Protein backbone atom coordinates (compact mmCIF):
# COMPACT_ATOMS: atom_id res chain seq x y z
CA MET A 1 5.61 0.20 -4.02
CA ASP A 2 2.50 1.66 -2.39
CA GLN A 3 2.80 4.89 -0.43
CA VAL A 4 0.66 4.76 2.71
CA ARG A 5 -0.79 7.77 4.50
CA VAL A 6 0.34 8.08 8.12
CA GLY A 7 -2.75 8.18 10.30
CA ALA A 8 -4.62 11.45 9.92
CA SER A 9 -1.51 13.41 8.87
CA GLY A 10 -0.39 14.47 5.41
CA LEU A 11 2.77 12.37 5.61
CA HIS A 12 3.11 9.21 3.49
CA LEU A 13 5.51 6.30 3.95
CA SER A 14 6.36 3.43 1.65
CA ALA A 15 4.64 0.14 2.48
CA ILE A 16 7.78 -0.92 4.32
CA THR A 17 10.37 1.29 6.00
CA LEU A 18 14.05 0.39 5.85
CA GLY A 19 15.47 0.24 9.36
CA CYS A 20 19.05 1.48 9.45
CA MET A 21 20.15 0.09 12.82
CA SER A 22 22.30 -2.49 11.02
CA PHE A 23 24.42 0.22 9.35
CA GLY A 24 27.50 1.25 11.30
CA THR A 25 30.82 -0.11 12.47
CA PRO A 26 31.16 -3.90 12.14
CA GLY A 27 32.16 -5.64 15.37
CA ALA A 28 31.85 -2.53 17.54
CA GLY A 29 29.51 -1.55 20.36
CA LEU A 30 26.17 -3.20 21.07
CA MET A 31 25.48 -3.91 17.40
CA LYS A 32 28.43 -6.09 16.47
CA TRP A 33 26.57 -7.44 13.44
CA SER A 34 26.51 -3.97 11.84
CA LEU A 35 27.38 -3.60 8.17
CA GLY A 36 30.10 -1.28 6.97
CA GLU A 37 29.50 1.59 4.58
CA GLU A 38 29.88 -0.28 1.30
CA ASP A 39 27.48 -3.08 2.24
CA SER A 40 25.03 -0.62 3.80
CA ARG A 41 25.04 1.49 0.67
CA ALA A 42 24.24 -1.54 -1.49
CA ILE A 43 21.14 -2.28 0.58
CA ILE A 44 20.00 1.36 0.49
CA ARG A 45 20.42 1.42 -3.28
CA VAL A 46 18.29 -1.70 -3.78
CA ALA A 47 15.65 -0.30 -1.43
CA LEU A 48 15.41 2.93 -3.40
CA GLU A 49 15.21 1.05 -6.69
CA ALA A 50 12.31 -1.00 -5.28
CA GLY A 51 10.36 2.10 -4.30
CA VAL A 52 11.21 2.29 -0.60
CA THR A 53 11.01 5.94 0.38
CA ALA A 54 11.17 5.73 4.21
CA PHE A 55 14.40 5.28 6.18
CA ASP A 56 14.54 5.00 9.97
CA THR A 57 17.68 5.49 12.06
CA ALA A 58 18.61 6.84 15.50
CA ASP A 59 21.41 8.88 17.02
CA MET A 60 22.57 5.98 19.21
CA TYR A 61 22.84 3.37 16.44
CA SER A 62 26.55 2.58 16.26
CA ALA A 63 27.20 5.78 18.24
CA GLY A 64 26.08 7.96 15.33
CA ALA A 65 27.71 5.98 12.51
CA SER A 66 24.33 4.80 11.23
CA GLU A 67 23.19 8.39 10.70
CA GLU A 68 26.45 9.23 8.94
CA ILE A 69 26.27 6.25 6.57
CA THR A 70 22.56 6.65 5.91
CA GLY A 71 22.91 10.37 5.29
CA ARG A 72 25.79 10.05 2.84
CA ALA A 73 24.05 7.34 0.84
CA LEU A 74 20.71 9.12 0.63
CA ARG A 75 22.29 12.45 -0.29
CA GLU A 76 24.00 10.81 -3.25
CA LEU A 77 21.39 8.27 -4.34
CA ALA A 78 18.00 9.85 -3.61
CA ASN A 79 15.98 12.96 -4.29
CA ARG A 80 15.59 14.53 -0.85
CA ASP A 81 12.06 15.71 -1.58
CA GLU A 82 10.93 12.17 -2.43
CA ILE A 83 12.16 10.36 0.69
CA VAL A 84 11.27 10.37 4.37
CA VAL A 85 14.18 10.35 6.81
CA ALA A 86 13.45 9.52 10.44
CA THR A 87 15.76 9.55 13.43
CA LYS A 88 15.40 9.40 17.22
CA VAL A 89 16.46 11.04 20.47
CA TYR A 90 16.62 9.84 24.10
CA MET A 91 19.30 7.16 24.45
CA PRO A 92 22.70 8.03 26.04
CA MET A 93 25.13 9.70 23.66
CA HIS A 94 27.70 10.88 26.21
CA ASP A 95 28.26 10.87 29.96
CA GLY A 96 26.52 13.27 32.30
CA PRO A 97 22.88 14.21 32.97
CA HIS A 98 22.51 16.08 29.67
CA GLY A 99 23.84 13.25 27.52
CA ARG A 100 20.53 11.43 27.38
CA GLY A 101 16.78 11.83 27.91
CA LEU A 102 14.19 14.33 26.74
CA SER A 103 15.17 17.53 28.47
CA ARG A 104 15.13 20.73 26.44
CA LYS A 105 18.92 20.91 26.67
CA HIS A 106 19.45 17.40 25.33
CA ILE A 107 16.80 17.61 22.60
CA MET A 108 18.19 20.87 21.23
CA SER A 109 21.73 19.51 21.19
CA ALA A 110 20.70 16.11 19.85
CA ILE A 111 18.76 17.39 16.84
CA ASP A 112 21.68 19.55 15.74
CA ALA A 113 24.10 16.65 16.17
CA SER A 114 21.83 14.31 14.18
CA LEU A 115 21.51 16.82 11.35
CA ARG A 116 25.29 17.24 11.22
CA ARG A 117 25.80 13.49 11.00
CA LEU A 118 23.08 13.09 8.37
CA GLY A 119 24.36 16.09 6.42
CA MET A 120 20.80 17.38 6.10
CA ASP A 121 18.94 20.57 6.98
CA TYR A 122 15.98 18.71 8.45
CA VAL A 123 14.55 15.29 9.22
CA ASP A 124 11.05 14.39 8.17
CA LEU A 125 10.22 12.50 11.35
CA TYR A 126 11.86 13.18 14.72
CA GLN A 127 11.01 10.50 17.26
CA ILE A 128 11.47 10.12 20.99
CA HIS A 129 13.11 6.73 21.46
CA ARG A 130 11.49 6.09 24.85
CA PHE A 131 9.47 7.87 27.56
CA ASP A 132 11.53 10.00 29.96
CA THR A 133 10.29 9.62 33.54
CA GLU A 134 12.72 12.29 34.81
CA THR A 135 11.69 15.25 32.63
CA PRO A 136 8.34 17.08 32.79
CA ILE A 137 6.32 16.15 29.75
CA GLU A 138 5.52 19.83 29.12
CA GLU A 139 9.24 20.58 28.82
CA THR A 140 9.67 17.75 26.34
CA MET A 141 6.67 18.62 24.19
CA GLU A 142 7.46 22.32 24.01
CA ALA A 143 11.08 21.59 23.07
CA LEU A 144 9.97 19.18 20.33
CA HIS A 145 7.48 21.78 19.08
CA ASP A 146 10.30 24.32 18.89
CA VAL A 147 12.36 21.85 16.82
CA VAL A 148 9.49 21.66 14.34
CA LYS A 149 8.95 25.42 14.29
CA ALA A 150 12.67 25.94 13.68
CA GLY A 151 12.33 23.84 10.52
CA LYS A 152 14.61 21.07 11.79
CA ALA A 153 11.85 18.42 11.72
CA ARG A 154 8.63 18.15 9.72
CA TYR A 155 6.74 15.71 11.98
CA LEU A 156 7.11 14.13 15.41
CA GLY A 157 6.90 10.48 16.43
CA ALA A 158 7.20 8.37 19.58
CA SER A 159 8.37 4.85 20.34
CA SER A 160 7.66 2.04 22.84
CA MET A 161 5.94 3.20 26.01
CA TRP A 162 2.73 2.53 27.91
CA THR A 163 -0.39 3.83 26.23
CA TRP A 164 -1.25 6.07 29.18
CA GLN A 165 2.15 7.74 28.85
CA PHE A 166 1.62 8.35 25.14
CA ALA A 167 -1.84 9.76 25.86
CA GLN A 168 -0.33 12.09 28.47
CA LEU A 169 2.17 13.43 25.95
CA GLN A 170 -0.49 14.00 23.31
CA HIS A 171 -2.75 15.72 25.85
CA ALA A 172 0.08 18.00 26.94
CA ALA A 173 0.63 18.96 23.30
CA ASP A 174 -3.05 19.81 22.94
CA LEU A 175 -3.10 21.92 26.10
CA GLY A 176 0.06 23.79 25.13
CA GLY A 177 -0.87 24.28 21.49
CA TRP A 178 2.22 22.27 20.54
CA THR A 179 2.91 19.75 17.78
CA ARG A 180 1.39 16.28 18.31
CA PHE A 181 2.99 12.96 17.47
CA VAL A 182 1.83 11.44 14.20
CA THR A 183 3.53 8.03 14.59
CA MET A 184 4.04 5.34 17.22
CA GLN A 185 7.00 3.00 16.65
CA ASP A 186 6.21 0.05 18.89
CA HIS A 187 7.29 -3.56 19.34
CA TYR A 188 4.86 -5.74 17.41
CA ASN A 189 4.97 -9.11 15.66
CA LEU A 190 3.37 -12.55 15.77
CA LEU A 191 5.24 -13.39 18.99
CA GLN A 192 4.51 -10.08 20.76
CA ARG A 193 0.97 -8.78 20.20
CA GLU A 194 0.25 -7.02 23.48
CA GLU A 195 0.04 -3.64 21.72
CA GLU A 196 -3.30 -4.78 20.31
CA ARG A 197 -4.89 -4.30 23.74
CA GLU A 198 -4.54 -0.53 24.17
CA MET A 199 -1.91 1.14 21.99
CA HIS A 200 -3.27 0.17 18.59
CA PRO A 201 -6.91 1.02 19.39
CA TYR A 202 -5.73 4.36 20.80
CA CYS A 203 -3.70 5.10 17.66
CA LEU A 204 -6.58 4.16 15.37
CA ASP A 205 -8.97 6.34 17.36
CA THR A 206 -6.68 9.38 17.41
CA GLY A 207 -5.24 9.23 13.90
CA VAL A 208 -1.72 8.05 14.72
CA GLY A 209 0.14 5.77 12.30
CA VAL A 210 1.88 2.69 13.71
CA ILE A 211 5.33 1.83 12.31
CA PRO A 212 6.36 -1.24 14.33
CA TRP A 213 9.93 -2.28 15.01
CA SER A 214 11.05 -5.91 14.98
CA PRO A 215 8.11 -7.19 12.89
CA LEU A 216 10.08 -10.42 12.38
CA ALA A 217 10.91 -10.88 16.08
CA ARG A 218 14.65 -10.43 15.67
CA GLY A 219 14.63 -13.15 13.02
CA ARG A 220 12.82 -15.73 15.15
CA LEU A 221 9.97 -15.76 12.61
CA THR A 222 12.24 -16.18 9.59
CA ARG A 223 13.66 -19.67 10.24
CA PRO A 224 12.62 -22.99 11.80
CA TRP A 225 12.45 -23.16 15.59
CA GLY A 226 15.83 -23.79 17.19
CA GLU A 227 18.01 -22.37 14.42
CA ARG A 228 20.32 -19.65 15.70
CA THR A 229 22.44 -16.93 14.09
CA ASN A 230 25.60 -15.07 15.10
CA ARG A 231 23.55 -11.98 15.87
CA GLU A 232 21.80 -13.71 18.74
CA GLU A 233 25.08 -13.94 20.62
CA SER A 234 25.34 -10.14 20.91
CA ASP A 235 21.83 -8.77 20.40
CA ARG A 236 21.02 -6.87 23.58
CA LEU A 237 17.33 -7.76 23.57
CA LEU A 238 17.86 -11.43 22.88
CA THR A 239 20.64 -11.84 25.43
CA THR A 240 18.45 -10.25 28.12
CA GLY A 241 15.61 -12.71 27.68
CA THR A 242 13.25 -11.27 25.08
CA TYR A 243 10.97 -13.95 23.56
CA THR A 244 11.39 -16.36 26.47
CA GLN A 245 8.07 -15.85 28.25
CA GLN A 246 5.92 -18.26 26.24
CA GLN A 247 8.28 -20.47 24.29
CA ASP A 248 5.87 -23.38 23.93
CA ALA A 249 3.33 -21.09 22.26
CA ASP A 250 6.03 -19.32 20.27
CA ARG A 251 7.25 -22.59 18.82
CA LEU A 252 3.76 -23.41 17.56
CA ILE A 253 3.52 -19.97 15.95
CA VAL A 254 6.90 -20.30 14.25
CA ASP A 255 5.88 -23.76 13.03
CA ALA A 256 2.65 -22.32 11.57
CA VAL A 257 4.65 -19.63 9.76
CA GLY A 258 6.86 -22.35 8.28
CA GLN A 259 3.91 -24.47 7.20
CA ILE A 260 2.16 -21.62 5.41
CA ALA A 261 5.42 -20.51 3.80
CA ALA A 262 5.93 -24.03 2.43
CA GLU A 263 2.36 -24.19 1.14
CA ARG A 264 2.69 -20.81 -0.57
CA GLY A 265 6.22 -21.39 -1.88
CA VAL A 266 7.53 -18.25 -0.20
CA SER A 267 9.92 -17.51 2.65
CA MET A 268 8.89 -17.48 6.31
CA ALA A 269 9.87 -13.81 6.49
CA GLN A 270 7.34 -12.96 3.78
CA VAL A 271 4.53 -14.71 5.65
CA ALA A 272 5.35 -13.12 9.01
CA LEU A 273 5.65 -9.64 7.51
CA ALA A 274 2.50 -10.02 5.42
CA TRP A 275 0.61 -10.81 8.63
CA VAL A 276 1.87 -7.61 10.29
CA ARG A 277 0.97 -5.52 7.24
CA ARG A 278 -2.65 -6.74 7.22
CA GLN A 279 -3.34 -5.47 10.76
CA PRO A 280 -5.59 -2.38 10.77
CA ALA A 281 -3.38 -0.04 12.82
CA ILE A 282 -0.20 -0.67 10.82
CA THR A 283 1.16 1.92 8.42
CA SER A 284 4.67 0.73 7.54
CA PRO A 285 6.65 -2.00 9.35
CA ILE A 286 10.32 -1.19 9.91
CA VAL A 287 12.50 -3.91 8.45
CA GLY A 288 16.23 -4.16 9.05
CA ALA A 289 18.59 -5.97 6.69
CA THR A 290 22.11 -7.34 6.99
CA LYS A 291 21.78 -9.29 3.73
CA LEU A 292 20.14 -8.34 0.46
CA GLN A 293 17.87 -11.36 0.82
CA HIS A 294 16.37 -9.81 3.96
CA LEU A 295 15.38 -6.76 1.93
CA THR A 296 14.08 -8.66 -1.09
CA ASP A 297 11.93 -10.82 1.20
CA ALA A 298 10.46 -7.69 2.78
CA ILE A 299 9.74 -6.19 -0.63
CA ALA A 300 8.08 -9.41 -1.81
CA ALA A 301 5.91 -9.46 1.33
CA CYS A 302 4.17 -6.32 0.07
CA ASP A 303 2.52 -8.43 -2.64
CA LEU A 304 1.60 -11.38 -0.43
CA VAL A 305 -2.02 -11.38 0.75
CA LEU A 306 -2.88 -13.92 3.44
CA THR A 307 -6.33 -15.44 3.68
CA ASP A 308 -8.40 -15.15 6.83
CA GLU A 309 -7.90 -18.87 7.39
CA GLU A 310 -4.11 -18.51 7.18
CA ALA A 311 -4.16 -15.56 9.55
CA ALA A 312 -6.20 -17.58 12.03
CA ARG A 313 -3.67 -20.42 11.88
CA LEU A 314 -0.85 -17.98 12.59
CA THR A 315 -2.51 -16.55 15.68
CA ALA A 316 -4.21 -19.66 17.12
CA ALA A 317 -1.40 -20.50 19.56
CA TYR A 318 -0.73 -16.98 20.83
CA THR A 319 -0.63 -16.75 24.62
CA PRO A 320 -0.80 -13.42 26.51
CA ARG A 321 2.47 -12.15 27.93
CA LEU A 322 4.02 -8.99 29.32
CA PRO A 323 5.08 -6.34 26.78
CA GLU A 324 8.81 -6.36 26.02
CA GLY A 325 11.36 -3.96 24.62
CA PHE A 326 10.91 -0.92 26.87
């Protein structure tokens, strides 16, 4: 599998990144569809065998269980120097004002807790899960810089926020002589393309790699319109109305994905992911998997090259909408 340079940095990621949100405690918390350790380990093993070197988790996934499962598997199955491990900070991990956010106090506690759960001395990419409106950005950026200087993280990344907020954070880093973000993990797929307006041009212009989450729109792009799965009954984003703004347009897009998949003799997931990968700002889409087929489809998508005519068919029905997911 190709290894792709992240923006203007020296970091490289595999052409797809394995998202580890689905690894945890089955039936518990917000992610009731989570896989247990044995099933999670099987997916990680297949990913490594296929050349996947990038693994993305977060402290809040299954209340830390995702980090624990991911860490144990990678310590036993992978060469630490050949993989990229990413995790995140911001979401609530315990009650009280210091149990969440991007304050110095929470960041310093959270990185140590993540490293304990992962069983590692450092993470390659430490990401802020969202923008913190309650903490001065200078406090956040200096604390993150200190995490890097302490050797607990190699690079910094950010996730889902307005472009002006991301620009503010990067500017604060420049003014303070602190470490800049090298990645933006944003919400981007055929049904949600609003990041093309400002965030992606900004990232291209400033040398930031984009590693989008939900490139398959929570599975909406992987099956015919109207089909539902058990996950949709408990997925926080789907139960709060994500992908309901422009359903007439979305149906036409999903239909186009299905038509091209049938013509090519491939799965809908491969078509939808191949479209994301061909976009100029994209470094490595983050793909979750609760079945081995999800992973093998993502791997196969790395070899699928869409024509310009196919790409035009996939985007013809897109209708502007508000950004979602943050």
